Amino acid sequence: MKTITTLIALSFACLLAGCNTVKGVGQDVQKAGEKIEDAARKK
């Protein structure tokens, strides 16, 4: 029973870490896109 509980807890921890990573990448891509748009507007 302890093994199953530990595996479930580790699975949730990995899932949450993955969501944070994907969210961070999305924010970085969005910021890069904004910079490109700003550069295009200046020309």
Protein backbone atom coordinates (compact mmCIF):
# COMPACT_ATOMS: atom_id res chain seq x y z
CA MET A 1 0.00 0.00 0.00
CA LYS A 2 2.85 2.39 0.81
CA THR A 3 4.43 1.67 -2.56
CA ILE A 4 1.25 2.56 -4.42
CA THR A 5 0.82 5.77 -2.43
CA THR A 6 4.42 6.75 -3.11
CA LEU A 7 4.05 6.08 -6.84
CA ILE A 8 0.87 8.15 -7.02
CA ALA A 9 2.51 11.04 -5.16
CA LEU A 10 5.54 10.95 -7.47
CA SER A 11 3.28 10.85 -10.52
CA PHE A 12 1.43 13.98 -9.39
CA ALA A 13 4.72 15.74 -8.64
CA CYS A 14 6.02 14.99 -12.14
CA LEU A 15 2.75 16.10 -13.70
CA LEU A 16 2.83 19.43 -11.86
CA ALA A 17 6.47 20.02 -12.75
CA GLY A 18 5.71 19.32 -16.41
CA CYS A 19 2.83 21.82 -16.43
CA ASN A 20 5.04 24.53 -14.99
CA THR A 21 7.71 23.84 -17.59
CA VAL A 22 5.28 24.01 -20.50
CA LYS A 23 3.73 27.19 -19.10
CA GLY A 24 7.18 28.80 -18.83
CA VAL A 25 8.08 27.89 -22.40
CA GLY A 26 4.78 29.32 -23.60
CA GLN A 27 5.48 32.60 -21.83
CA ASP A 28 8.97 32.79 -23.35
CA VAL A 29 7.61 32.20 -26.85
CA GLN A 30 4.93 34.83 -26.29
CA LYS A 31 7.51 37.41 -25.18
CA ALA A 32 9.69 36.63 -28.19
CA GLY A 33 6.69 37.11 -30.47
CA GLU A 34 5.93 40.47 -28.88
CA LYS A 35 9.51 41.62 -29.48
CA ILE A 36 9.28 40.60 -33.14
CA GLU A 37 5.99 42.48 -33.52
CA ASP A 38 7.49 45.58 -31.92
CA ALA A 39 10.47 45.44 -34.27
CA ALA A 40 8.17 45.05 -37.28
CA ARG A 41 6.09 48.08 -36.22
CA LYS A 42 9.18 50.28 -35.94
CA LYS A 43 10.17 49.67 -39.58
